[in-house]
C-alpha atoms as a PDB file:
ATOM      1  CA  UNK A   1     -46.825 -59.650  89.021  1.00  0.00           C
ATOM      2  CA  UNK A   2     -44.468 -62.275  90.680  1.00  0.00           C
ATOM      3  CA  UNK A   3     -41.299 -61.571  92.371  1.00  0.00           C
ATOM      4  CA  UNK A   4     -38.528 -59.090  91.259  1.00  0.00           C
ATOM      5  CA  UNK A   5     -35.548 -60.662  89.624  1.00  0.00           C
ATOM      6  CA  UNK A   6     -32.107 -59.063  89.989  1.00  0.00           C
ATOM      7  CA  UNK A   7     -30.579 -59.881  86.448  1.00  0.00           C
ATOM      8  CA  UNK A   8     -26.770 -59.228  86.705  1.00  0.00           C
ATOM      9  CA  UNK A   9     -25.317 -58.458  83.209  1.00  0.00           C
ATOM     10  CA  UNK A  10     -21.755 -59.752  83.188  1.00  0.00           C
ATOM     11  CA  UNK A  11     -21.398 -58.972  79.361  1.00  0.00           C
ATOM     12  CA  UNK A  12     -18.182 -56.259  79.792  1.00  0.00           C
ATOM     13  CA  UNK A  13     -16.415 -59.226  81.802  1.00  0.00           C
ATOM     14  CA  UNK A  14     -17.229 -62.583  81.341  1.00  0.00           C
ATOM     15  CA  UNK A  15     -19.032 -61.881  77.703  1.00  0.00           C
ATOM     16  CA  UNK A  16     -15.778 -60.250  76.373  1.00  0.00           C
ATOM     17  CA  UNK A  17     -12.464 -62.064  78.263  1.00  0.00           C
ATOM     18  CA  UNK A  18     -12.319 -64.652  75.939  1.00  0.00           C
ATOM     19  CA  UNK A  19     -12.585 -62.802  72.498  1.00  0.00           C
ATOM     20  CA  UNK A  20      -9.425 -62.833  70.559  1.00  0.00           C
ATOM     21  CA  UNK A  21      -9.506 -59.236  69.059  1.00  0.00           C
ATOM     22  CA  UNK A  22      -8.924 -56.501  70.902  1.00  0.00           C
ATOM     23  CA  UNK A  23     -11.961 -54.457  72.359  1.00  0.00           C
ATOM     24  CA  UNK A  24     -11.219 -50.400  72.852  1.00  0.00           C
ATOM     25  CA  UNK A  25     -12.107 -49.147  76.131  1.00  0.00           C
ATOM     26  CA  UNK A  26     -14.802 -46.838  74.656  1.00  0.00           C
ATOM     27  CA  UNK A  27     -16.774 -49.513  72.982  1.00  0.00           C
ATOM     28  CA  UNK A  28     -16.891 -51.304  76.359  1.00  0.00           C
ATOM     29  CA  UNK A  29     -18.189 -48.435  77.828  1.00  0.00           C
ATOM     30  CA  UNK A  30     -20.831 -47.777  74.654  1.00  0.00           C
ATOM     31  CA  UNK A  31     -21.817 -51.062  75.599  1.00  0.00           C
ATOM     32  CA  UNK A  32     -22.426 -50.798  79.735  1.00  0.00           C
ATOM     33  CA  UNK A  33     -24.262 -47.296  78.543  1.00  0.00           C
ATOM     34  CA  UNK A  34     -26.769 -49.405  75.986  1.00  0.00           C
ATOM     35  CA  UNK A  35     -27.371 -51.788  78.939  1.00  0.00           C
ATOM     36  CA  UNK A  36     -27.834 -49.034  81.368  1.00  0.00           C
ATOM     37  CA  UNK A  37     -30.138 -47.451  79.140  1.00  0.00           C
ATOM     38  CA  UNK A  38     -32.296 -50.785  78.979  1.00  0.00           C
ATOM     39  CA  UNK A  39     -32.730 -50.615  82.658  1.00  0.00           C
ATOM     40  CA  UNK A  40     -30.052 -53.010  84.047  1.00  0.00           C
ATOM     41  CA  UNK A  41     -29.164 -51.839  87.523  1.00  0.00           C
ATOM     42  CA  UNK A  42     -26.368 -54.565  88.171  1.00  0.00           C
ATOM     43  CA  UNK A  43     -23.538 -55.001  85.662  1.00  0.00           C
ATOM     44  CA  UNK A  44     -20.049 -56.761  86.062  1.00  0.00           C
ATOM     45  CA  UNK A  45     -18.087 -54.359  84.330  1.00  0.00           C
ATOM     46  CA  UNK A  46     -14.261 -55.915  84.237  1.00  0.00           C
ATOM     47  CA  UNK A  47     -11.942 -58.166  85.945  1.00  0.00           C
ATOM     48  CA  UNK A  48      -8.892 -57.449  87.841  1.00  0.00           C
ATOM     49  CA  UNK A  49      -6.458 -60.106  86.504  1.00  0.00           C
ATOM     50  CA  UNK A  50      -3.036 -59.920  85.252  1.00  0.00           C
ATOM     51  CA  UNK A  51      -3.223 -59.014  81.822  1.00  0.00           C
ATOM     52  CA  UNK A  52      -0.754 -61.477  80.867  1.00  0.00           C
ATOM     53  CA  UNK A  53      -3.548 -64.150  81.479  1.00  0.00           C
ATOM     54  CA  UNK A  54      -6.730 -62.392  80.046  1.00  0.00           C
ATOM     55  CA  UNK A  55      -5.397 -59.259  78.177  1.00  0.00           C
ATOM     56  CA  UNK A  56      -8.767 -58.387  76.773  1.00  0.00           C
ATOM     57  CA  UNK A  57      -9.626 -56.888  80.581  1.00  0.00           C
ATOM     58  CA  UNK A  58      -6.096 -55.206  80.597  1.00  0.00           C
ATOM     59  CA  UNK A  59      -8.122 -51.767  81.006  1.00  0.00           C
ATOM     60  CA  UNK A  60      -9.648 -52.573  83.982  1.00  0.00           C
ATOM     61  CA  UNK A  61      -8.781 -49.377  85.628  1.00  0.00           C
ATOM     62  CA  UNK A  62      -9.539 -47.338  82.430  1.00  0.00           C
ATOM     63  CA  UNK A  63     -13.060 -49.055  82.445  1.00  0.00           C
ATOM     64  CA  UNK A  64     -13.578 -48.306  86.068  1.00  0.00           C
ATOM     65  CA  UNK A  65     -12.875 -44.644  86.123  1.00  0.00           C
ATOM     66  CA  UNK A  66     -15.487 -43.863  83.847  1.00  0.00           C
ATOM     67  CA  UNK A  67     -18.281 -45.949  85.805  1.00  0.00           C
ATOM     68  CA  UNK A  68     -19.437 -42.893  87.937  1.00  0.00           C
ATOM     69  CA  UNK A  69     -20.934 -41.663  84.522  1.00  0.00           C
ATOM     70  CA  UNK A  70     -24.024 -44.033  85.367  1.00  0.00           C
ATOM     71  CA  UNK A  71     -25.158 -43.109  88.898  1.00  0.00           C
ATOM     72  CA  UNK A  72     -27.982 -45.393  90.493  1.00  0.00           C
ATOM     73  CA  UNK A  73     -26.261 -48.885  88.911  1.00  0.00           C
ATOM     74  CA  UNK A  74     -24.436 -51.257  90.950  1.00  0.00           C
ATOM     75  CA  UNK A  75     -21.178 -51.990  89.155  1.00  0.00           C
ATOM     76  CA  UNK A  76     -19.248 -55.164  90.339  1.00  0.00           C
ATOM     77  CA  UNK A  77     -15.739 -56.568  89.117  1.00  0.00           C
ATOM     78  CA  UNK A  78     -14.338 -60.138  89.374  1.00  0.00           C
ATOM     79  CA  UNK A  79     -11.122 -60.604  91.515  1.00  0.00           C
ATOM     80  CA  UNK A  80      -8.792 -63.949  91.641  1.00  0.00           C
ATOM     81  CA  UNK A  81      -6.292 -62.646  94.488  1.00  0.00           C
ATOM     82  CA  UNK A  82      -5.661 -59.987  96.824  1.00  0.00           C
ATOM     83  CA  UNK A  83      -3.691 -58.226  94.315  1.00  0.00           C
ATOM     84  CA  UNK A  84      -6.778 -58.178  92.180  1.00  0.00           C
ATOM     85  CA  UNK A  85      -8.853 -57.132  95.346  1.00  0.00           C
ATOM     86  CA  UNK A  86      -6.443 -53.973  95.680  1.00  0.00           C
ATOM     87  CA  UNK A  87      -6.841 -52.643  92.913  1.00  0.00           C
ATOM     88  CA  UNK A  88     -10.401 -52.898  92.279  1.00  0.00           C
ATOM     89  CA  UNK A  89     -10.520 -51.157  95.409  1.00  0.00           C
ATOM     90  CA  UNK A  90      -8.249 -48.523  94.346  1.00  0.00           C
ATOM     91  CA  UNK A  91     -10.383 -48.118  91.486  1.00  0.00           C
ATOM     92  CA  UNK A  92     -13.321 -47.594  93.330  1.00  0.00           C
ATOM     93  CA  UNK A  93     -15.273 -50.544  92.917  1.00  0.00           C
ATOM     94  CA  UNK A  94     -17.167 -51.595  95.965  1.00  0.00           C
ATOM     95  CA  UNK A  95     -18.652 -54.736  94.799  1.00  0.00           C
ATOM     96  CA  UNK A  96     -16.336 -57.906  93.964  1.00  0.00           C
ATOM     97  CA  UNK A  97     -16.780 -61.317  93.208  1.00  0.00           C
ATOM     98  CA  UNK A  98     -14.040 -63.840  94.189  1.00  0.00           C
ATOM     99  CA  UNK A  99     -13.572 -66.822  91.979  1.00  0.00           C
ATOM    100  CA  UNK A 100     -13.056 -70.030  93.096  1.00  0.00           C
ATOM    101  CA  UNK A 101     -13.814 -73.486  91.567  1.00  0.00           C
ATOM    102  CA  UNK A 102     -15.656 -76.375  93.263  1.00  0.00           C
ATOM    103  CA  UNK A 103     -13.254 -78.674  90.887  1.00  0.00           C
ATOM    104  CA  UNK A 104      -9.563 -78.841  92.453  1.00  0.00           C
ATOM    105  CA  UNK A 105      -8.325 -79.474  88.946  1.00  0.00           C
ATOM    106  CA  UNK A 106     -10.216 -76.634  87.190  1.00  0.00           C
ATOM    107  CA  UNK A 107      -9.179 -74.644  90.405  1.00  0.00           C
ATOM    108  CA  UNK A 108      -5.301 -75.376  89.552  1.00  0.00           C
ATOM    109  CA  UNK A 109      -5.693 -74.737  86.010  1.00  0.00           C
ATOM    110  CA  UNK A 110      -7.752 -71.508  86.352  1.00  0.00           C
ATOM    111  CA  UNK A 111      -5.850 -70.191  89.245  1.00  0.00           C
ATOM    112  CA  UNK A 112      -2.839 -72.198  89.387  1.00  0.00           C
ATOM    113  CA  UNK A 113      -3.417 -73.018  93.270  1.00  0.00           C
ATOM    114  CA  UNK A 114      -5.703 -75.725  94.905  1.00  0.00           C
ATOM    115  CA  UNK A 115      -9.115 -75.336  96.266  1.00  0.00           C
ATOM    116  CA  UNK A 116      -7.836 -75.575  99.567  1.00  0.00           C
ATOM    117  CA  UNK A 117      -5.615 -72.402  99.262  1.00  0.00           C
ATOM    118  CA  UNK A 118      -8.147 -70.414  97.512  1.00  0.00           C
ATOM    119  CA  UNK A 119     -10.750 -70.824 100.587  1.00  0.00           C
ATOM    120  CA  UNK A 120      -7.538 -69.891 102.744  1.00  0.00           C
ATOM    121  CA  UNK A 121      -7.063 -66.640 100.113  1.00  0.00           C
ATOM    122  CA  UNK A 122     -10.798 -65.903 100.413  1.00  0.00           C
ATOM    123  CA  UNK A 123     -10.410 -65.684 104.333  1.00  0.00           C
ATOM    124  CA  UNK A 124      -8.036 -62.999 103.570  1.00  0.00           C
ATOM    125  CA  UNK A 125      -9.944 -61.222 101.476  1.00  0.00           C
ATOM    126  CA  UNK A 126     -13.210 -61.327 103.124  1.00  0.00           C
ATOM    127  CA  UNK A 127     -10.925 -59.750 105.955  1.00  0.00           C
ATOM    128  CA  UNK A 128      -9.914 -56.813 103.758  1.00  0.00           C
ATOM    129  CA  UNK A 129     -13.597 -56.403 102.407  1.00  0.00           C
ATOM    130  CA  UNK A 130     -14.851 -56.058 105.999  1.00  0.00           C
ATOM    131  CA  UNK A 131     -12.620 -53.629 107.020  1.00  0.00           C
ATOM    132  CA  UNK A 132     -12.801 -51.393 103.874  1.00  0.00           C
ATOM    133  CA  UNK A 133     -16.657 -51.887 103.897  1.00  0.00           C
ATOM    134  CA  UNK A 134     -16.596 -53.828 100.394  1.00  0.00           C
ATOM    135  CA  UNK A 135     -19.433 -56.237  99.285  1.00  0.00           C
ATOM    136  CA  UNK A 136     -18.070 -59.451  98.195  1.00  0.00           C
ATOM    137  CA  UNK A 137     -19.706 -62.446  96.419  1.00  0.00           C
ATOM    138  CA  UNK A 138     -17.920 -65.685  96.265  1.00  0.00           C
ATOM    139  CA  UNK A 139     -18.357 -66.864  92.589  1.00  0.00           C
ATOM    140  CA  UNK A 140     -18.013 -70.856  92.297  1.00  0.00           C
ATOM    141  CA  UNK A 141     -17.315 -71.915  88.931  1.00  0.00           C
ATOM    142  CA  UNK A 142     -17.555 -75.774  88.309  1.00  0.00           C
ATOM    143  CA  UNK A 143     -20.490 -76.348  90.314  1.00  0.00           C
ATOM    144  CA  UNK A 144     -22.220 -78.905  88.661  1.00  0.00           C
ATOM    145  CA  UNK A 145     -19.716 -80.416  86.233  1.00  0.00           C
ATOM    146  CA  UNK A 146     -16.173 -79.990  85.256  1.00  0.00           C
ATOM    147  CA  UNK A 147     -14.266 -80.596  82.034  1.00  0.00           C
ATOM    148  CA  UNK A 148     -11.684 -82.233  83.775  1.00  0.00           C
ATOM    149  CA  UNK A 149     -13.233 -84.151  86.318  1.00  0.00           C
ATOM    150  CA  UNK A 150     -16.789 -84.892  85.290  1.00  0.00           C
ATOM    151  CA  UNK A 151     -19.907 -84.497  87.205  1.00  0.00           C
ATOM    152  CA  UNK A 152     -19.596 -82.648  90.245  1.00  0.00           C
ATOM    153  CA  UNK A 153     -21.804 -84.552  93.047  1.00  0.00           C
ATOM    154  CA  UNK A 154     -24.043 -82.028  95.110  1.00  0.00           C
ATOM    155  CA  UNK A 155     -22.291 -82.988  98.120  1.00  0.00           C
ATOM    156  CA  UNK A 156     -18.767 -81.818  96.954  1.00  0.00           C
ATOM    157  CA  UNK A 157     -20.836 -78.269  96.015  1.00  0.00           C
ATOM    158  CA  UNK A 158     -22.033 -78.492  99.714  1.00  0.00           C
ATOM    159  CA  UNK A 159     -18.857 -78.736 100.944  1.00  0.00           C
ATOM    160  CA  UNK A 160     -17.179 -75.934  99.003  1.00  0.00           C
ATOM    161  CA  UNK A 161     -20.110 -73.478  99.808  1.00  0.00           C
ATOM    162  CA  UNK A 162     -19.850 -74.504 103.640  1.00  0.00           C
ATOM    163  CA  UNK A 163     -16.014 -73.551 103.872  1.00  0.00           C
ATOM    164  CA  UNK A 164     -16.480 -70.220 101.806  1.00  0.00           C
ATOM    165  CA  UNK A 165     -19.438 -69.370 104.122  1.00  0.00           C
ATOM    166  CA  UNK A 166     -17.068 -69.862 107.138  1.00  0.00           C
ATOM    167  CA  UNK A 167     -15.233 -67.203 105.801  1.00  0.00           C
ATOM    168  CA  UNK A 168     -18.061 -64.668 105.949  1.00  0.00           C
ATOM    169  CA  UNK A 169     -21.624 -64.543 105.210  1.00  0.00           C
ATOM    170  CA  UNK A 170     -21.233 -63.171 101.475  1.00  0.00           C
ATOM    171  CA  UNK A 171     -23.585 -63.955  98.855  1.00  0.00           C
ATOM    172  CA  UNK A 172     -22.457 -67.215  96.889  1.00  0.00           C
ATOM    173  CA  UNK A 173     -22.745 -67.676  92.952  1.00  0.00           C
ATOM    174  CA  UNK A 174     -23.146 -71.038  91.367  1.00  0.00           C
ATOM    175  CA  UNK A 175     -21.787 -71.161  88.159  1.00  0.00           C
ATOM    176  CA  UNK A 176     -22.390 -73.879  85.560  1.00  0.00           C
ATOM    177  CA  UNK A 177     -19.112 -73.242  83.552  1.00  0.00           C
ATOM    178  CA  UNK A 178     -19.536 -75.666  80.885  1.00  0.00           C
ATOM    179  CA  UNK A 179     -23.131 -75.554  80.579  1.00  0.00           C
ATOM    180  CA  UNK A 180     -23.692 -79.641  81.442  1.00  0.00           C
ATOM    181  CA  UNK A 181     -26.041 -79.018  84.412  1.00  0.00           C
ATOM    182  CA  UNK A 182     -29.401 -80.399  84.432  1.00  0.00           C
ATOM    183  CA  UNK A 183     -32.453 -78.881  85.956  1.00  0.00           C
ATOM    184  CA  UNK A 184     -32.846 -82.019  88.349  1.00  0.00           C
ATOM    185  CA  UNK A 185     -29.134 -81.418  89.536  1.00  0.00           C
ATOM    186  CA  UNK A 186     -29.869 -77.828  89.857  1.00  0.00           C
ATOM    187  CA  UNK A 187     -32.822 -78.445  92.361  1.00  0.00           C
ATOM    188  CA  UNK A 188     -31.150 -80.983  94.360  1.00  0.00           C
ATOM    189  CA  UNK A 189     -28.154 -78.833  94.599  1.00  0.00           C
ATOM    190  CA  UNK A 190     -30.149 -75.812  95.874  1.00  0.00           C
ATOM    191  CA  UNK A 191     -32.284 -77.936  97.856  1.00  0.00           C
ATOM    192  CA  UNK A 192     -29.251 -79.697  99.619  1.00  0.00           C
ATOM    193  CA  UNK A 193     -27.439 -76.207 100.563  1.00  0.00           C
ATOM    194  CA  UNK A 194     -30.428 -74.516 101.823  1.00  0.00           C
ATOM    195  CA  UNK A 195     -31.630 -77.470 103.891  1.00  0.00           C
ATOM    196  CA  UNK A 196     -28.050 -78.011 105.495  1.00  0.00           C
ATOM    197  CA  UNK A 197     -26.630 -74.460 105.619  1.00  0.00           C
ATOM    198  CA  UNK A 198     -29.681 -72.271 105.992  1.00  0.00           C
ATOM    199  CA  UNK A 199     -28.778 -69.939 103.381  1.00  0.00           C
ATOM    200  CA  UNK A 200     -31.197 -67.441 102.730  1.00  0.00           C
ATOM    201  CA  UNK A 201     -32.531 -67.327  99.004  1.00  0.00           C
ATOM    202  CA  UNK A 202     -31.621 -63.771  98.522  1.00  0.00           C
ATOM    203  CA  UNK A 203     -28.112 -64.845  99.313  1.00  0.00           C
ATOM    204  CA  UNK A 204     -27.652 -67.119  96.444  1.00  0.00           C
ATOM    205  CA  UNK A 205     -27.354 -66.423  92.826  1.00  0.00           C
ATOM    206  CA  UNK A 206     -27.186 -68.692  89.528  1.00  0.00           C
ATOM    207  CA  UNK A 207     -25.096 -68.337  86.372  1.00  0.00           C
ATOM    208  CA  UNK A 208     -25.620 -70.535  83.569  1.00  0.00           C
ATOM    209  CA  UNK A 209     -23.709 -70.968  80.434  1.00  0.00           C
ATOM    210  CA  UNK A 210     -25.827 -72.355  77.492  1.00  0.00           C
ATOM    211  CA  UNK A 211     -23.564 -74.885  75.797  1.00  0.00           C
ATOM    212  CA  UNK A 212     -26.492 -77.487  75.457  1.00  0.00           C
ATOM    213  CA  UNK A 213     -29.374 -75.366  75.445  1.00  0.00           C
ATOM    214  CA  UNK A 214     -30.371 -75.944  78.869  1.00  0.00           C
ATOM    215  CA  UNK A 215     -29.658 -72.521  80.684  1.00  0.00           C
ATOM    216  CA  UNK A 216     -33.190 -71.317  80.733  1.00  0.00           C
ATOM    217  CA  UNK A 217     -34.426 -75.188  82.056  1.00  0.00           C
ATOM    218  CA  UNK A 218     -31.868 -74.424  84.840  1.00  0.00           C
ATOM    219  CA  UNK A 219     -33.359 -71.057  85.519  1.00  0.00           C
ATOM    220  CA  UNK A 220     -36.697 -72.193  85.891  1.00  0.00           C
ATOM    221  CA  UNK A 221     -35.295 -74.788  88.395  1.00  0.00           C
ATOM    222  CA  UNK A 222     -33.923 -72.112  90.211  1.00  0.00           C
ATOM    223  CA  UNK A 223     -36.679 -69.690  90.046  1.00  0.00           C
ATOM    224  CA  UNK A 224     -38.993 -72.664  91.383  1.00  0.00           C
ATOM    225  CA  UNK A 225     -36.245 -73.201  94.136  1.00  0.00           C
ATOM    226  CA  UNK A 226     -36.903 -69.270  95.415  1.00  0.00           C
ATOM    227  CA  UNK A 227     -33.360 -67.887  93.657  1.00  0.00           C
ATOM    228  CA  UNK A 228     -33.892 -64.285  92.604  1.00  0.00           C
ATOM    229  CA  UNK A 229     -30.620 -63.751  91.361  1.00  0.00           C
ATOM    230  CA  UNK A 230     -29.223 -64.615  87.848  1.00  0.00           C
ATOM    231  CA  UNK A 231     -26.024 -63.615  85.656  1.00  0.00           C
ATOM    232  CA  UNK A 232     -26.600 -63.466  82.070  1.00  0.00           C
ATOM    233  CA  UNK A 233     -24.626 -61.568  78.766  1.00  0.00           C
ATOM    234  CA  UNK A 234     -25.748 -59.618  76.163  1.00  0.00           C
ATOM    235  CA  UNK A 235     -25.951 -61.655  72.788  1.00  0.00           C
ATOM    236  CA  UNK A 236     -25.079 -65.003  74.764  1.00  0.00           C
ATOM    237  CA  UNK A 237     -21.162 -63.698  74.738  1.00  0.00           C
ATOM    238  CA  UNK A 238     -19.042 -65.420  77.228  1.00  0.00           C
ATOM    239  CA  UNK A 239     -16.484 -68.739  77.423  1.00  0.00           C
ATOM    240  CA  UNK A 240     -13.829 -69.569  79.451  1.00  0.00           C
ATOM    241  CA  UNK A 241     -10.056 -70.055  78.246  1.00  0.00           C
ATOM    242  CA  UNK A 242      -9.966 -73.150  80.441  1.00  0.00           C
ATOM    243  CA  UNK A 243     -13.114 -74.736  79.672  1.00  0.00           C
ATOM    244  CA  UNK A 244     -12.672 -76.089  76.113  1.00  0.00           C
ATOM    245  CA  UNK A 245     -16.104 -76.449  74.222  1.00  0.00           C
ATOM    246  CA  UNK A 246     -18.135 -74.201  76.537  1.00  0.00           C
ATOM    247  CA  UNK A 247     -20.243 -71.704  74.850  1.00  0.00           C
ATOM    248  CA  UNK A 248     -21.374 -68.236  76.195  1.00  0.00           C
ATOM    249  CA  UNK A 249     -23.859 -67.285  79.245  1.00  0.00           C
ATOM    250  CA  UNK A 250     -27.577 -67.374  78.876  1.00  0.00           C
ATOM    251  CA  UNK A 251     -28.487 -64.340  76.343  1.00  0.00           C
ATOM    252  CA  UNK A 252     -29.878 -61.687  78.872  1.00  0.00           C
ATOM    253  CA  UNK A 253     -32.307 -60.581  76.183  1.00  0.00           C
ATOM    254  CA  UNK A 254     -33.539 -64.609  76.385  1.00  0.00           C
ATOM    255  CA  UNK A 255     -33.457 -64.706  80.060  1.00  0.00           C
ATOM    256  CA  UNK A 256     -35.618 -61.132  80.314  1.00  0.00           C
ATOM    257  CA  UNK A 257     -38.308 -62.408  77.543  1.00  0.00           C
ATOM    258  CA  UNK A 258     -38.182 -65.541  79.504  1.00  0.00           C
ATOM    259  CA  UNK A 259     -39.078 -63.935  83.041  1.00  0.00           C
ATOM    260  CA  UNK A 260     -41.153 -61.483  81.567  1.00  0.00           C
ATOM    261  CA  UNK A 261     -43.406 -63.818  79.992  1.00  0.00           C
ATOM    262  CA  UNK A 262     -43.608 -65.841  83.321  1.00  0.00           C
ATOM    263  CA  UNK A 263     -44.907 -62.881  84.915  1.00  0.00           C
ATOM    264  CA  UNK A 264     -41.436 -62.212  87.137  1.00  0.00           C
ATOM    265  CA  UNK A 265     -40.409 -58.318  87.108  1.00  0.00           C
ATOM    266  CA  UNK A 266     -37.404 -57.373  85.942  1.00  0.00           C
ATOM    267  CA  UNK A 267     -37.572 -54.017  84.967  1.00  0.00           C
ATOM    268  CA  UNK A 268     -36.011 -54.271  82.023  1.00  0.00           C
ATOM    269  CA  UNK A 269     -37.195 -52.844  78.655  1.00  0.00           C
ATOM    270  CA  UNK A 270     -36.586 -55.537  76.338  1.00  0.00           C
ATOM    271  CA  UNK A 271     -36.797 -53.502  72.983  1.00  0.00           C
ATOM    272  CA  UNK A 272     -33.579 -51.447  74.517  1.00  0.00           C
ATOM    273  CA  UNK A 273     -31.869 -54.450  75.443  1.00  0.00           C
ATOM    274  CA  UNK A 274     -31.948 -56.049  71.746  1.00  0.00           C
ATOM    275  CA  UNK A 275     -30.343 -52.658  71.057  1.00  0.00           C
ATOM    276  CA  UNK A 276     -27.476 -53.572  73.605  1.00  0.00           C
ATOM    277  CA  UNK A 277     -27.703 -57.384  72.283  1.00  0.00           C
ATOM    278  CA  UNK A 278     -27.237 -56.183  68.496  1.00  0.00           C
ATOM    279  CA  UNK A 279     -24.104 -53.785  69.353  1.00  0.00           C
ATOM    280  CA  UNK A 280     -22.359 -56.564  71.606  1.00  0.00           C
ATOM    281  CA  UNK A 281     -22.758 -59.459  68.879  1.00  0.00           C
ATOM    282  CA  UNK A 282     -20.432 -57.288  66.607  1.00  0.00           C
ATOM    283  CA  UNK A 283     -17.646 -58.263  68.997  1.00  0.00           C
ATOM    284  CA  UNK A 284     -18.246 -61.935  69.176  1.00  0.00           C
ATOM    285  CA  UNK A 285     -15.858 -64.010  67.345  1.00  0.00           C
ATOM    286  CA  UNK A 286     -18.725 -66.398  67.095  1.00  0.00           C
ATOM    287  CA  UNK A 287     -22.400 -66.403  65.522  1.00  0.00           C
ATOM    288  CA  UNK A 288     -24.853 -65.013  67.590  1.00  0.00           C
ATOM    289  CA  UNK A 289     -25.672 -67.787  70.624  1.00  0.00           C
ATOM    290  CA  UNK A 290     -29.251 -66.498  71.636  1.00  0.00           C
ATOM    291  CA  UNK A 291     -32.897 -66.624  70.338  1.00  0.00           C
ATOM    292  CA  UNK A 292     -34.621 -63.571  70.980  1.00  0.00           C
ATOM    293  CA  UNK A 293     -32.767 -61.304  68.934  1.00  0.00           C
ATOM    294  CA  UNK A 294     -32.481 -63.742  65.908  1.00  0.00           C
ATOM    295  CA  UNK A 295     -36.685 -63.983  66.214  1.00  0.00           C
ATOM    296  CA  UNK A 296     -37.189 -60.334  66.335  1.00  0.00           C
ATOM    297  CA  UNK A 297     -34.594 -58.698  64.443  1.00  0.00           C
ATOM    298  CA  UNK A 298     -33.381 -61.812  61.893  1.00  0.00           C
ATOM    299  CA  UNK A 299     -31.451 -59.139  59.920  1.00  0.00           C
ATOM    300  CA  UNK A 300     -28.820 -58.487  62.953  1.00  0.00           C
ATOM    301  CA  UNK A 301     -28.251 -62.144  62.853  1.00  0.00           C
ATOM    302  CA  UNK A 302     -27.418 -62.699  59.261  1.00  0.00           C
ATOM    303  CA  UNK A 303     -31.068 -63.666  58.079  1.00  0.00           C
ATOM    304  CA  UNK A 304     -34.607 -64.778  58.347  1.00  0.00           C
ATOM    305  CA  UNK A 305     -34.941 -67.574  60.854  1.00  0.00           C
ATOM    306  CA  UNK A 306     -36.103 -70.842  59.027  1.00  0.00           C
ATOM    307  CA  UNK A 307     -39.279 -71.234  61.477  1.00  0.00           C
ATOM    308  CA  UNK A 308     -40.413 -67.795  60.038  1.00  0.00           C
ATOM    309  CA  UNK A 309     -39.008 -68.034  56.313  1.00  0.00           C
ATOM    310  CA  UNK A 310     -40.410 -71.322  55.558  1.00  0.00           C
ATOM    311  CA  UNK A 311     -43.710 -71.722  53.615  1.00  0.00           C
ATOM    312  CA  UNK A 312     -46.584 -73.240  55.344  1.00  0.00           C
ATOM    313  CA  UNK A 313     -48.172 -76.140  53.312  1.00  0.00           C
END
């Protein structure tokens, strides 16, 4: 057996944030329960953002209030600012992800501030986190490509990560927001960051969207670079309101099947994970985005895959 991989399921936050139809809090908690039953130990449960901008997550406090029902699971939440930090800490969340974009244009559209201003805000949040004993992760979006600026150079990404690490030795998540990254680009960026900043691999995470079907190839590039923490969403849910055309994250069931097949240890029960994926797919306004659920339970995805049902000649 190869190394242990930390799979961070971000379905309750990233997977649901862009869905147009309101999802009851009880259903979000039922999804979390199924993820926990499958062996998921790291879950991003919600985001403490203004409900005007992300109405789907207006129940952040209500979700957080129920998380103590799941002992042994590390729950995190995404925050965009100090107000979000204060709400999250008051709600009992001790692991937080501060979101920031490498692309200044995307940062302004998503957060209404410059990238430099976000770094200054990260400094304030970092000081508070140190005082409060909160574990912080810097989550960088548009690490490889921006829908407005185009390809992001590895040097630009390096500069952004360096600026964040200067605010505190927090873990860093690199996100392929629109799914445009290629494996060689991922390899180049990780090599540069590790060479220049000497960040231990256990302090780096990867977050891939699967818009162009490259998420697992990019995951392999990350594995080969020594990364052992990956974000994903059940049933491949997800998307960003400020990233037109982007599809969901790599499906958790696809990621786990991929890791299992390569001999890595995930500690996750695939069949139970498929139960969660089937449940999560009911919340999606789009057809099922992954592969493994369709292959193993085609009826849950609208029928038998062509490759399975075709007559062999």
